[in-house]
Amino acid sequence: MGSSPDEANRARIRKRRRRNAGPARRRRYQNESTCSPLVFCPPEGRPGGLRVGRSRLPAMLAGPSSIHASGREDLVILHGPRAVPFLFLLGLLLGLALGCQSPSEEGTVDLVIRGGRVIDPASGLDAIRNVGITGDRIVAVTEGPLRGARTIEAEGRVVSPGFIDLHTHSPTPLGHYYQLADGVTTALELEAGSYPVARFAPEVAGAARIHFGASVGWASTRIEAIAGMSIESLLAGGSVPIEVFTRITDASERAQMRKMLENDLANGALGIGVPVDYFSEGTDEDELRMIFEVTAAADSLLYIHVRRGVNGDPAGLREALRLAKETGASIHVCHISHNAMRNIELFLREIREARANGVDVTTEVLPYNAGSALISSAVFSRNWQEVFAIDYADVEWAATGMRFDEATWREYRLKYPAGQVVHHYLKPEWTRRALVEPGVIVVSDLLRMVDEESRVAPHNGAFTRILGRHVREAGDLDLMTALSKMTSLPAQRLAKFFPSFENKGRVAVGADADLTIFNPATVIDRATYGAPFQTADGISTVIVAGEVALDEGRVLEDVFAGRRILNVAEGVLPPDSGENR
């Protein structure tokens, strides 16, 4: 007799727990106070290690049971309690003419960040430190002096992990330019996704300022299964037939979508993006359950824009949480305040309760009180005034700022179906409530930026908006908590499923050298709905993969250090060549 669905779900959960307790956890870092620039020390009882140039320490130095393969030529893993006593061995080896130098000697570190206030939310470190970078890795976080090819003086500034944006829709040169200026080092299209993911973001392939990646987009597979249209044809100006949004799929179409989703997950997609709210009329539970089952079977992550009913109706959230419970799928609920509206307290409580009952669920918030979508979106074909508790005058044409009345609304929906509108429907207290909830991740939900002629919502200032308005001005969050929501929390959420993120979101030895340096007294967003194309203030330096990409507040025009991120065994790929992978 075959196993029951519940037994299969429990087996998947056990598998996930074993995995989460395994190799991914070996890369956690201990407080740097017990380490030297060349020592990688984890928590008590966990593996640690020593770097000696590009050489391995002989196994006999650690004992036969304490060597673990790390997959890197320059890292040896030792059990934690043994790591600190071996510091003297490092000095001994350096004195034996092995050709290795300490990072404190001239020429051994590429970049030094001197005297900054280092905040590493994952470890709780908040102290004045010097940071050393060689290649694309952090090799030193220390109170001691460091020398290198270049030094950045960071006195009076915060040195933070680079900001990680899980929810953006602008993988374009202009979008990356403005997100870099906002302190973002990794920008991901996870809500809507793309298909096929290997051809995601052709505009920046080979010339990306920041790291980028995507989930596989269920909506794209639905469009292809029903209408036979590819994402390329849509970007070229094709229009989506209305049946894509409104027609229930048959068994053969669902089988086709399943195959596309499974193939793209195997080819490196960072989970599955499911903006079901825009396809509510045509998406039945059989189709939605299929997507959850594919996610669970692949031990991956599903990002869902839940169905919205009347203002504050939790039915869509409850549907997603129930399917996650029944299938064992891990989920991330997109922009919680924009779905919950007046019922934000109820939505947050239901997520907490689901988590307590074994559902693997997280959520996010963006620091804006409006939404944006195509004027032709299916949400505007139903009772949208009731759903959002707004009227025509609360909606503006993004390109000009014009507010609608009923006549212009009907005209523009007919003539300009590809145009963007901004609908103002949230109250600041709803956004603030979601922001202060423990574990909620900060995102931008930045819309596609192609040129500066057409206005879009000003979400390119999302992260500096948090730091300037919600931390410094309003005091809604302390700085450590705010930074955790932008760095370590998103990195940890993704690292459970995708090894590319195990070394992101940290200021620690061995971590990826993606860093943001800012002045906490001046950092703030300047983009507005009327003038969105303005860079933030207070971000002084952004480092991407060890390269300075923004210097003294200016984006460097000739630096393209960003990398395409795929879920592959090697993690982050080398600098993107622009070729499909």
Protein backbone atom coordinates (compact mmCIF):
# COMPACT_ATOMS: atom_id res chain seq x y z
CA MET A 1 0.00 0.00 0.00
CA GLY A 2 1.36 3.48 -0.89
CA SER A 3 2.04 6.10 1.73
CA SER A 4 -0.71 8.57 2.60
CA PRO A 5 -0.38 12.31 1.73
CA ASP A 6 0.20 13.07 5.42
CA GLU A 7 2.99 10.50 5.62
CA ALA A 8 4.57 11.91 2.47
CA ASN A 9 4.38 15.42 3.90
CA ARG A 10 5.99 14.32 7.15
CA ALA A 11 8.75 12.60 5.21
CA ARG A 12 9.45 15.80 3.27
CA ILE A 13 9.53 17.80 6.50
CA ARG A 14 11.98 15.31 8.06
CA LYS A 15 14.14 15.55 4.95
CA ARG A 16 14.14 19.34 5.16
CA ARG A 17 15.05 19.31 8.86
CA ARG A 18 17.93 16.92 8.21
CA ARG A 19 19.17 19.14 5.43
CA ASN A 20 18.84 22.32 7.47
CA ALA A 21 20.87 20.73 10.25
CA GLY A 22 23.55 19.64 7.80
CA PRO A 23 25.95 21.33 5.39
CA ALA A 24 24.14 24.65 5.24
CA ARG A 25 24.58 25.07 8.96
CA ARG A 26 28.34 24.42 8.75
CA ARG A 27 28.78 27.88 7.31
CA ARG A 28 27.39 29.79 10.30
CA TYR A 29 29.80 32.16 11.96
CA GLN A 30 30.81 32.74 15.53
CA ASN A 31 31.27 36.17 17.07
CA GLU A 32 34.50 37.50 15.60
CA SER A 33 36.02 38.20 19.01
CA THR A 34 37.36 34.61 19.20
CA CYS A 35 38.73 34.64 15.67
CA SER A 36 41.61 36.12 13.75
CA PRO A 37 41.49 37.45 10.18
CA LEU A 38 42.53 34.03 8.92
CA VAL A 39 40.33 31.90 11.18
CA PHE A 40 36.77 30.85 10.40
CA CYS A 41 35.22 30.07 13.80
CA PRO A 42 31.64 28.83 14.17
CA PRO A 43 29.54 28.43 17.34
CA GLU A 44 30.58 25.98 20.03
CA GLY A 45 30.52 22.41 18.84
CA ARG A 46 30.23 23.35 15.17
CA PRO A 47 32.87 23.09 12.46
CA GLY A 48 35.42 25.88 12.06
CA GLY A 49 38.57 26.35 10.03
CA LEU A 50 41.85 27.99 9.13
CA ARG A 51 42.93 29.72 5.93
CA VAL A 52 46.58 29.56 4.90
CA GLY A 53 46.78 31.24 1.52
CA ARG A 54 45.42 28.63 -0.87
CA SER A 55 46.89 25.68 1.04
CA ARG A 56 45.19 23.16 3.30
CA LEU A 57 46.42 22.43 6.81
CA PRO A 58 47.67 18.83 7.08
CA ALA A 59 45.02 16.55 8.57
CA MET A 60 47.31 15.48 11.41
CA LEU A 61 47.25 18.99 12.85
CA ALA A 62 43.57 18.64 13.65
CA GLY A 63 43.22 14.94 14.23
CA PRO A 64 41.65 12.39 11.93
CA SER A 65 38.07 13.08 13.00
CA SER A 66 38.08 16.84 12.67
CA ILE A 67 38.65 17.44 8.97
CA HIS A 68 35.60 18.15 6.82
CA ALA A 69 35.66 18.78 3.08
CA SER A 70 34.57 22.32 2.37
CA GLY A 71 34.67 22.27 -1.40
CA ARG A 72 37.06 25.25 -1.42
CA GLU A 73 40.80 25.09 -1.99
CA ASP A 74 41.56 27.70 0.67
CA LEU A 75 39.46 26.49 3.59
CA VAL A 76 39.92 23.67 6.06
CA ILE A 77 37.08 22.88 8.45
CA LEU A 78 37.86 22.00 12.08
CA HIS A 79 35.59 21.30 15.03
CA GLY A 80 34.81 24.56 16.83
CA PRO A 81 36.53 23.97 20.20
CA ARG A 82 39.80 23.18 18.42
CA ALA A 83 39.84 26.27 16.22
CA VAL A 84 41.08 28.85 18.72
CA PRO A 85 43.94 26.76 20.17
CA PHE A 86 45.28 26.41 16.64
CA LEU A 87 45.86 30.15 16.25
CA PHE A 88 49.47 29.69 17.33
CA LEU A 89 49.86 27.04 14.62
CA LEU A 90 48.89 29.64 12.07
CA GLY A 91 51.71 31.89 13.25
CA LEU A 92 54.09 28.95 13.20
CA LEU A 93 53.16 28.04 9.65
CA LEU A 94 53.51 31.63 8.52
CA GLY A 95 57.01 31.61 9.92
CA LEU A 96 57.98 28.50 7.99
CA ALA A 97 58.30 30.21 4.62
CA LEU A 98 55.06 28.88 3.20
CA GLY A 99 54.73 31.98 1.10
CA CYS A 100 51.70 33.19 3.08
CA GLN A 101 51.19 36.62 4.58
CA SER A 102 48.86 38.03 7.20
CA PRO A 103 46.17 40.36 5.92
CA SER A 104 47.78 43.03 8.08
CA GLU A 105 50.77 43.11 5.73
CA GLU A 106 50.86 45.30 2.63
CA GLY A 107 49.44 43.75 -0.51
CA THR A 108 47.57 40.78 0.99
CA VAL A 109 44.15 42.47 1.17
CA ASP A 110 42.54 44.07 -1.85
CA LEU A 111 40.28 46.46 0.05
CA VAL A 112 40.15 47.72 3.63
CA ILE A 113 37.15 49.42 5.24
CA ARG A 114 38.60 51.23 8.22
CA GLY A 115 36.93 52.37 11.42
CA GLY A 116 33.29 51.84 10.51
CA ARG A 117 30.49 50.79 12.81
CA VAL A 118 30.07 47.20 11.67
CA ILE A 119 26.54 45.88 12.17
CA ASP A 120 26.05 42.18 11.48
CA PRO A 121 22.49 41.28 12.49
CA ALA A 122 23.06 37.53 12.17
CA SER A 123 25.61 37.54 15.01
CA GLY A 124 24.49 40.68 16.83
CA LEU A 125 27.85 42.37 16.29
CA ASP A 126 27.60 46.17 16.58
CA ALA A 127 31.07 47.61 17.10
CA ILE A 128 33.85 49.61 15.49
CA ARG A 129 35.85 47.25 13.33
CA ASN A 130 38.13 47.11 10.31
CA VAL A 131 37.00 44.91 7.43
CA GLY A 132 39.33 43.30 4.90
CA ILE A 133 38.26 42.03 1.49
CA THR A 134 40.21 39.90 -0.95
CA GLY A 135 38.57 38.92 -4.21
CA ASP A 136 34.86 38.50 -3.61
CA ARG A 137 35.13 37.41 0.04
CA ILE A 138 35.48 39.05 3.41
CA VAL A 139 38.76 37.81 4.91
CA ALA A 140 38.98 39.94 8.06
CA VAL A 141 36.69 41.59 10.61
CA THR A 142 39.00 42.83 13.32
CA GLU A 143 39.94 45.53 15.81
CA GLY A 144 43.51 45.26 14.58
CA PRO A 145 45.06 47.26 11.74
CA LEU A 146 44.72 46.16 8.14
CA ARG A 147 46.50 47.31 5.01
CA GLY A 148 45.60 46.76 1.42
CA ALA A 149 45.61 48.10 -2.09
CA ARG A 150 42.83 50.56 -1.21
CA THR A 151 41.37 51.83 2.05
CA ILE A 152 37.91 53.30 2.56
CA GLU A 153 37.65 55.49 5.65
CA ALA A 154 34.30 54.67 7.28
CA GLU A 155 34.47 56.57 10.56
CA GLY A 156 30.99 57.77 11.55
CA ARG A 157 29.32 55.41 9.09
CA VAL A 158 27.61 52.04 9.34
CA VAL A 159 29.09 49.05 7.51
CA SER A 160 26.22 46.67 6.82
CA PRO A 161 25.64 43.59 4.70
CA GLY A 162 24.37 44.60 1.28
CA PHE A 163 20.60 44.83 1.13
CA ILE A 164 18.79 41.83 -0.40
CA ASP A 165 15.51 42.58 -2.19
CA LEU A 166 13.32 39.50 -2.59
CA HIS A 167 10.60 41.32 -4.52
CA THR A 168 11.48 43.54 -7.44
CA HIS A 169 10.28 43.66 -11.05
CA SER A 170 12.99 45.80 -12.61
CA PRO A 171 15.92 43.71 -13.92
CA THR A 172 16.93 46.54 -16.25
CA PRO A 173 19.96 48.84 -16.42
CA LEU A 174 17.90 51.71 -15.01
CA GLY A 175 16.34 49.57 -12.31
CA HIS A 176 19.72 48.24 -11.18
CA TYR A 177 21.17 51.76 -11.22
CA TYR A 178 18.56 53.10 -8.81
CA GLN A 179 18.53 50.02 -6.60
CA LEU A 180 22.32 50.17 -6.26
CA ALA A 181 21.94 53.78 -5.14
CA ASP A 182 19.46 52.50 -2.52
CA GLY A 183 22.09 50.14 -1.08
CA VAL A 184 20.78 46.97 -2.74
CA THR A 185 23.37 44.38 -3.79
CA THR A 186 20.99 41.54 -4.70
CA ALA A 187 17.66 42.11 -6.50
CA LEU A 188 15.36 39.14 -7.12
CA GLU A 189 12.18 38.68 -9.15
CA LEU A 190 10.43 36.08 -7.01
CA GLU A 191 6.73 37.03 -6.89
CA ALA A 192 6.05 36.97 -10.65
CA GLY A 193 9.16 35.07 -11.70
CA SER A 194 10.17 34.28 -15.26
CA TYR A 195 10.16 31.40 -17.73
CA PRO A 196 12.56 30.03 -18.71
CA VAL A 197 14.65 31.34 -15.85
CA ALA A 198 17.95 30.92 -17.72
CA ARG A 199 16.86 33.69 -20.09
CA PHE A 200 15.72 36.02 -17.33
CA ALA A 201 16.83 39.66 -17.53
CA PRO A 202 18.45 39.84 -20.98
CA GLU A 203 18.85 43.62 -20.63
CA VAL A 204 21.49 43.22 -17.91
CA ALA A 205 23.04 39.88 -18.87
CA GLY A 206 26.79 40.42 -18.95
CA ALA A 207 26.50 43.97 -17.60
CA ALA A 208 24.77 43.82 -14.22
CA ARG A 209 25.59 46.31 -11.49
CA ILE A 210 24.06 44.09 -8.79
CA HIS A 211 23.31 40.39 -8.38
CA PHE A 212 20.03 39.19 -9.87
CA GLY A 213 17.91 36.07 -10.13
CA ALA A 214 14.35 34.82 -10.43
CA SER A 215 11.87 32.14 -9.54
CA VAL A 216 10.12 30.23 -12.28
CA GLY A 217 6.98 32.19 -13.08
CA TRP A 218 3.81 30.10 -12.93
CA ALA A 219 1.96 32.91 -14.71
CA SER A 220 4.38 32.66 -17.64
CA THR A 221 3.81 28.92 -17.89
CA ARG A 222 0.05 29.51 -17.79
CA ILE A 223 0.27 32.02 -20.63
CA GLU A 224 2.31 29.57 -22.69
CA ALA A 225 0.04 26.61 -21.92
CA ILE A 226 -3.20 28.46 -22.75
CA ALA A 227 -2.17 30.98 -25.40
CA GLY A 228 1.10 29.56 -26.73
CA MET A 229 2.87 32.87 -26.00
CA SER A 230 6.41 33.17 -24.64
CA ILE A 231 7.74 35.85 -22.32
CA GLU A 232 9.82 37.18 -25.22
CA SER A 233 6.70 37.88 -27.26
CA LEU A 234 5.14 39.70 -24.33
CA LEU A 235 8.21 41.88 -23.81
CA ALA A 236 8.15 42.63 -27.53
CA GLY A 237 4.72 44.19 -27.12
CA GLY A 238 2.36 41.26 -27.42
CA SER A 239 -0.93 41.39 -25.51
CA VAL A 240 -2.21 38.55 -23.36
CA PRO A 241 -5.62 37.13 -24.33
CA ILE A 242 -8.25 37.65 -21.65
CA GLU A 243 -8.83 33.89 -21.42
CA VAL A 244 -5.42 33.51 -19.78
CA PHE A 245 -6.82 35.35 -16.77
CA THR A 246 -10.33 33.92 -16.77
CA ARG A 247 -10.36 30.34 -18.11
CA ILE A 248 -10.04 27.25 -15.94
CA THR A 249 -7.27 25.00 -17.26
CA ASP A 250 -7.89 21.41 -18.25
CA ALA A 251 -5.85 18.38 -17.20
CA SER A 252 -3.53 18.48 -20.21
CA GLU A 253 -2.74 22.18 -19.69
CA ARG A 254 -2.03 21.59 -16.01
CA ALA A 255 0.26 18.70 -16.95
CA GLN A 256 2.11 20.99 -19.36
CA MET A 257 2.53 23.65 -16.68
CA ARG A 258 3.72 21.06 -14.17
CA LYS A 259 6.41 19.89 -16.58
CA MET A 260 7.59 23.44 -17.26
CA LEU A 261 7.73 24.24 -13.54
CA GLU A 262 9.64 21.05 -12.73
CA ASN A 263 12.11 21.58 -15.56
CA ASP A 264 12.88 25.16 -14.57
CA LEU A 265 13.34 24.23 -10.92
CA ALA A 266 15.85 21.62 -12.11
CA ASN A 267 17.55 24.28 -14.23
CA GLY A 268 18.22 26.67 -11.35
CA ALA A 269 15.02 28.62 -10.65
CA LEU A 270 14.86 30.10 -7.14
CA GLY A 271 11.47 28.59 -6.32
CA ILE A 272 8.07 29.26 -7.94
CA GLY A 273 6.37 32.66 -8.21
CA VAL A 274 2.56 32.56 -7.96
CA PRO A 275 0.73 35.91 -8.36
CA VAL A 276 -2.62 34.12 -8.24
CA ASP A 277 -4.56 37.27 -7.31
CA TYR A 278 -4.24 38.49 -10.89
CA PHE A 279 -5.61 35.17 -12.21
CA SER A 280 -8.24 34.50 -9.54
CA GLU A 281 -11.16 33.98 -11.88
CA GLY A 282 -9.39 31.38 -13.97
CA THR A 283 -7.43 29.52 -11.29
CA ASP A 284 -9.23 26.75 -9.45
CA GLU A 285 -7.90 24.83 -6.48
CA ASP A 286 -6.78 21.87 -8.61
CA GLU A 287 -4.33 24.10 -10.45
CA LEU A 288 -3.15 25.87 -7.32
CA ARG A 289 -2.69 22.58 -5.48
CA MET A 290 -0.59 21.28 -8.37
CA ILE A 291 1.83 24.21 -7.93
CA PHE A 292 2.10 23.59 -4.18
CA GLU A 293 2.76 19.89 -4.82
CA VAL A 294 5.53 20.66 -7.31
CA THR A 295 7.13 23.02 -4.78
CA ALA A 296 7.00 20.43 -2.00
CA ALA A 297 8.33 17.61 -4.18
CA ALA A 298 11.30 19.75 -5.21
CA ASP A 299 11.90 20.86 -1.60
CA SER A 300 11.77 24.44 -2.87
CA LEU A 301 10.01 27.70 -1.95
CA LEU A 302 6.75 29.19 -3.27
CA TYR A 303 6.13 32.96 -3.29
CA ILE A 304 2.44 33.80 -3.42
CA HIS A 305 0.42 36.95 -3.97
CA VAL A 306 -2.73 35.55 -2.37
CA ARG A 307 -6.22 36.11 -3.73
CA ARG A 308 -7.84 39.31 -2.50
CA GLY A 309 -11.51 39.59 -1.70
CA VAL A 310 -13.31 42.51 -0.14
CA ASN A 311 -11.07 44.86 1.87
CA GLY A 312 -9.37 42.71 4.51
CA ASP A 313 -10.93 39.35 3.57
CA PRO A 314 -8.52 36.62 4.82
CA ALA A 315 -9.91 33.85 2.57
CA GLY A 316 -6.97 34.02 0.15
CA LEU A 317 -4.40 33.81 2.92
CA ARG A 318 -6.24 30.92 4.54
CA GLU A 319 -6.31 29.07 1.23
CA ALA A 320 -2.54 29.41 0.86
CA LEU A 321 -1.83 28.37 4.45
CA ARG A 322 -4.15 25.36 4.15
CA LEU A 323 -2.55 24.16 0.92
CA ALA A 324 0.90 24.60 2.45
CA LYS A 325 -0.17 22.50 5.43
CA GLU A 326 -1.73 19.78 3.26
CA THR A 327 1.11 19.50 0.75
CA GLY A 328 4.12 20.29 2.94
CA ALA A 329 5.15 23.19 0.70
CA SER A 330 7.21 26.05 2.12
CA ILE A 331 5.72 29.43 1.24
CA HIS A 332 6.47 33.15 1.36
CA VAL A 333 3.45 35.48 1.37
CA CYS A 334 4.07 38.61 -0.67
CA HIS A 335 3.41 42.18 0.57
CA ILE A 336 1.27 41.28 3.57
CA SER A 337 -0.02 44.79 4.30
CA HIS A 338 -1.24 45.25 0.73
CA ASN A 339 -3.30 42.07 1.04
CA ALA A 340 -4.51 42.52 4.61
CA MET A 341 -5.25 46.26 4.56
CA ARG A 342 -7.49 47.02 7.57
CA ASN A 343 -7.16 43.41 8.80
CA ILE A 344 -3.39 43.44 9.14
CA GLU A 345 -3.54 42.26 12.76
CA LEU A 346 -5.65 39.25 11.76
CA PHE A 347 -3.34 38.32 8.86
CA LEU A 348 -0.25 38.47 11.05
CA ARG A 349 -1.92 36.39 13.74
CA GLU A 350 -2.97 33.71 11.25
CA ILE A 351 0.59 33.48 9.94
CA ARG A 352 1.94 33.12 13.49
CA GLU A 353 -0.61 30.40 14.24
CA ALA A 354 0.13 28.54 11.01
CA ARG A 355 3.83 28.61 11.81
CA ALA A 356 3.12 27.24 15.28
CA ASN A 357 1.17 24.41 13.63
CA GLY A 358 4.08 23.36 11.45
CA VAL A 359 3.62 25.44 8.29
CA ASP A 360 6.89 26.84 6.94
CA VAL A 361 5.76 30.38 6.10
CA THR A 362 7.32 33.84 6.03
CA THR A 363 6.10 37.19 4.77
CA GLU A 364 7.24 40.66 3.73
CA VAL A 365 6.29 44.34 3.67
CA LEU A 366 7.13 47.31 1.47
CA PRO A 367 7.23 50.79 3.05
CA TYR A 368 4.64 52.40 0.77
CA ASN A 369 0.92 52.96 1.13
CA ALA A 370 -0.13 52.44 -2.47
CA GLY A 371 -0.12 49.68 -5.04
CA SER A 372 0.64 49.65 -8.74
CA ALA A 373 -0.50 47.45 -11.60
CA LEU A 374 -1.46 47.46 -15.26
CA ILE A 375 -4.75 49.24 -15.82
CA SER A 376 -5.87 46.11 -17.69
CA SER A 377 -5.16 43.81 -14.73
CA ALA A 378 -7.91 41.35 -13.90
CA VAL A 379 -8.23 42.86 -10.43
CA PHE A 380 -9.75 45.95 -12.07
CA SER A 381 -12.29 43.83 -13.94
CA ARG A 382 -14.05 42.87 -10.74
CA ASN A 383 -15.39 44.91 -7.82
CA TRP A 384 -12.10 46.73 -7.23
CA GLN A 385 -13.66 49.72 -5.45
CA GLU A 386 -15.05 47.34 -2.86
CA VAL A 387 -11.87 45.26 -2.70
CA PHE A 388 -9.64 48.28 -2.02
CA ALA A 389 -12.27 50.53 -0.39
CA ILE A 390 -11.36 53.36 -2.81
CA ASP A 391 -12.87 55.18 -5.80
CA TYR A 392 -11.66 56.51 -9.17
CA ALA A 393 -10.09 59.62 -7.66
CA ASP A 394 -7.79 57.43 -5.53
CA VAL A 395 -6.15 56.04 -8.68
CA GLU A 396 -3.56 57.94 -10.72
CA TRP A 397 -2.08 57.40 -14.16
CA ALA A 398 1.58 56.66 -13.37
CA ALA A 399 2.97 58.39 -16.45
CA THR A 400 1.49 61.81 -15.65
CA GLY A 401 0.00 61.72 -12.16
CA MET A 402 -3.50 62.37 -13.52
CA ARG A 403 -6.32 61.29 -11.19
CA PHE A 404 -9.23 59.43 -12.76
CA ASP A 405 -12.95 59.87 -12.91
CA GLU A 406 -15.30 57.21 -14.27
CA ALA A 407 -15.15 58.49 -17.85
CA THR A 408 -11.36 58.71 -18.10
CA TRP A 409 -11.05 55.34 -16.37
CA ARG A 410 -13.15 53.62 -19.02
CA GLU A 411 -11.32 55.44 -21.82
CA TYR A 412 -7.82 54.59 -20.59
CA ARG A 413 -8.65 50.94 -19.92
CA LEU A 414 -9.76 50.63 -23.52
CA LYS A 415 -7.01 52.65 -25.21
CA TYR A 416 -3.95 51.99 -23.04
CA PRO A 417 -4.15 48.45 -21.58
CA ALA A 418 -0.37 48.30 -21.02
CA GLY A 419 -0.30 51.48 -18.92
CA GLN A 420 0.54 51.53 -15.22
CA VAL A 421 -1.73 52.97 -12.54
CA VAL A 422 -1.02 53.72 -8.89
CA HIS A 423 -3.91 53.08 -6.51
CA HIS A 424 -3.70 54.62 -3.06
CA TYR A 425 -5.49 52.42 -0.55
CA LEU A 426 -3.35 51.75 2.54
CA LYS A 427 -3.15 53.67 5.79
CA PRO A 428 0.32 54.34 7.24
CA GLU A 429 -0.53 52.54 10.48
CA TRP A 430 -1.23 49.30 8.56
CA THR A 431 2.18 49.43 6.93
CA ARG A 432 3.85 50.29 10.24
CA ARG A 433 2.15 47.38 12.00
CA ALA A 434 3.49 44.89 9.45
CA LEU A 435 6.94 46.45 9.55
CA VAL A 436 7.40 46.01 13.30
CA GLU A 437 6.20 42.38 13.33
CA PRO A 438 9.18 40.10 14.16
CA GLY A 439 10.47 38.16 11.19
CA VAL A 440 8.79 40.24 8.49
CA ILE A 441 11.20 40.96 5.62
CA VAL A 442 11.53 44.36 3.89
CA VAL A 443 11.15 44.48 0.09
CA SER A 444 10.69 47.16 -2.55
CA ASP A 445 8.19 45.74 -5.10
CA LEU A 446 9.89 48.07 -7.59
CA LEU A 447 8.13 48.09 -10.95
CA ARG A 448 9.91 47.87 -14.27
CA MET A 449 12.07 50.93 -14.97
CA VAL A 450 12.95 51.32 -18.64
CA ASP A 451 13.44 55.04 -19.15
CA GLU A 452 12.95 58.25 -17.19
CA GLU A 453 10.14 59.50 -19.41
CA SER A 454 7.45 57.30 -17.85
CA ARG A 455 6.84 57.64 -14.15
CA VAL A 456 6.58 54.61 -11.90
CA ALA A 457 5.95 54.18 -8.19
CA PRO A 458 8.99 55.48 -6.25
CA HIS A 459 9.97 52.16 -4.74
CA ASN A 460 13.60 52.59 -5.78
CA GLY A 461 14.06 54.28 -2.39
CA ALA A 462 12.51 51.52 -0.27
CA PHE A 463 15.52 50.57 1.85
CA THR A 464 16.76 54.07 2.57
CA ARG A 465 13.15 54.99 3.35
CA ILE A 466 13.16 52.40 6.13
CA LEU A 467 16.46 53.69 7.54
CA GLY A 468 15.60 57.37 7.30
CA ARG A 469 11.89 57.55 8.05
CA HIS A 470 11.11 54.45 10.11
CA VAL A 471 14.37 54.15 12.07
CA ARG A 472 15.78 57.65 12.50
CA GLU A 473 12.67 59.85 12.28
CA ALA A 474 9.78 57.75 13.60
CA GLY A 475 11.70 55.29 15.77
CA ASP A 476 9.51 52.39 14.64
CA LEU A 477 12.54 50.08 14.58
CA ASP A 478 16.04 50.11 16.02
CA LEU A 479 18.85 50.01 13.48
CA MET A 480 19.88 46.41 14.16
CA THR A 481 16.33 45.12 13.70
CA ALA A 482 15.77 47.15 10.54
CA LEU A 483 18.99 45.89 8.98
CA SER A 484 18.13 42.30 9.85
CA LYS A 485 14.92 42.64 7.83
CA MET A 486 16.97 43.77 4.81
CA THR A 487 19.95 41.42 5.08
CA SER A 488 20.18 38.37 7.32
CA LEU A 489 16.47 37.45 7.34
CA PRO A 490 16.08 37.28 3.54
CA ALA A 491 19.44 35.52 3.20
CA GLN A 492 18.54 32.92 5.81
CA ARG A 493 15.12 32.33 4.29
CA LEU A 494 16.60 31.59 0.88
CA ALA A 495 19.65 29.69 2.19
CA LYS A 496 17.36 26.93 3.50
CA PHE A 497 16.69 26.02 -0.13
CA PHE A 498 19.37 27.62 -2.29
CA PRO A 499 23.09 27.29 -1.42
CA SER A 500 23.91 30.50 -3.29
CA PHE A 501 22.68 32.46 -0.26
CA GLU A 502 24.52 30.65 2.53
CA ASN A 503 27.27 33.29 2.57
CA LYS A 504 25.13 36.35 1.94
CA GLY A 505 23.64 38.81 4.42
CA ARG A 506 26.69 38.79 6.72
CA VAL A 507 29.68 40.88 7.71
CA ALA A 508 31.87 37.98 8.76
CA VAL A 509 34.99 36.17 7.66
CA GLY A 510 34.17 33.92 4.72
CA ALA A 511 31.01 35.80 3.76
CA ASP A 512 30.40 37.23 0.31
CA ALA A 513 31.84 40.73 -0.01
CA ASP A 514 28.51 42.45 -0.66
CA LEU A 515 28.44 45.48 1.65
CA THR A 516 26.62 48.77 2.04
CA ILE A 517 28.15 51.73 3.89
CA PHE A 518 25.90 54.60 4.93
CA ASN A 519 25.63 57.60 7.21
CA PRO A 520 22.86 56.87 9.75
CA ALA A 521 22.39 60.59 10.39
CA THR A 522 21.56 61.47 6.78
CA VAL A 523 20.38 58.34 4.97
CA ILE A 524 16.92 58.79 3.44
CA ASP A 525 14.95 58.27 0.24
CA ARG A 526 14.23 61.19 -2.11
CA ALA A 527 12.06 59.50 -4.74
CA THR A 528 8.39 60.50 -4.68
CA TYR A 529 5.30 59.58 -6.70
CA GLY A 530 5.65 62.85 -8.56
CA ALA A 531 9.42 62.57 -9.08
CA PRO A 532 10.49 58.92 -8.77
CA PHE A 533 13.83 59.17 -10.58
CA GLN A 534 15.90 60.47 -7.68
CA THR A 535 18.69 58.62 -5.94
CA ALA A 536 18.81 58.22 -2.19
CA ASP A 537 20.90 60.31 0.19
CA GLY A 538 23.35 58.95 2.74
CA ILE A 539 24.57 55.81 0.95
CA SER A 540 28.29 56.47 0.58
CA THR A 541 29.68 53.16 -0.71
CA VAL A 542 28.26 49.92 -2.05
CA ILE A 543 30.49 46.91 -2.66
CA VAL A 544 29.29 44.11 -4.93
CA ALA A 545 31.31 40.87 -5.10
CA GLY A 546 34.32 42.70 -3.69
CA GLU A 547 34.21 45.57 -6.19
CA VAL A 548 33.27 49.14 -5.31
CA ALA A 549 30.18 49.79 -7.43
CA LEU A 550 29.03 53.02 -5.77
CA ASP A 551 31.69 55.38 -4.44
CA GLU A 552 31.17 58.59 -2.46
CA GLY A 553 27.48 58.46 -3.30
CA ARG A 554 27.97 58.07 -7.06
CA VAL A 555 27.24 55.00 -9.15
CA LEU A 556 30.42 54.06 -11.01
CA GLU A 557 29.50 53.88 -14.67
CA ASP A 558 32.03 51.22 -15.68
CA VAL A 559 31.62 48.70 -12.83
CA PHE A 560 29.42 45.67 -13.54
CA ALA A 561 30.18 43.18 -10.77
CA GLY A 562 26.69 41.72 -10.47
CA ARG A 563 26.18 38.02 -11.07
CA ARG A 564 23.27 35.90 -12.20
CA ILE A 565 22.16 33.69 -9.30
CA LEU A 566 20.83 30.23 -10.07
CA ASN A 567 20.12 27.34 -7.73
CA VAL A 568 23.14 25.30 -8.75
CA ALA A 569 25.59 23.24 -6.73
CA GLU A 570 28.35 25.80 -7.25
CA GLY A 571 26.20 28.59 -5.82
CA VAL A 572 26.65 32.02 -7.34
CA LEU A 573 27.96 31.75 -10.86
CA PRO A 574 31.00 33.65 -12.15
CA PRO A 575 30.41 37.13 -13.60
CA ASP A 576 27.62 36.74 -16.13
CA SER A 577 28.80 36.39 -19.72
CA GLY A 578 25.38 37.18 -21.10
CA GLU A 579 24.98 33.69 -22.46
CA ASN A 580 22.09 31.46 -21.48
CA ARG A 581 23.08 28.97 -18.82
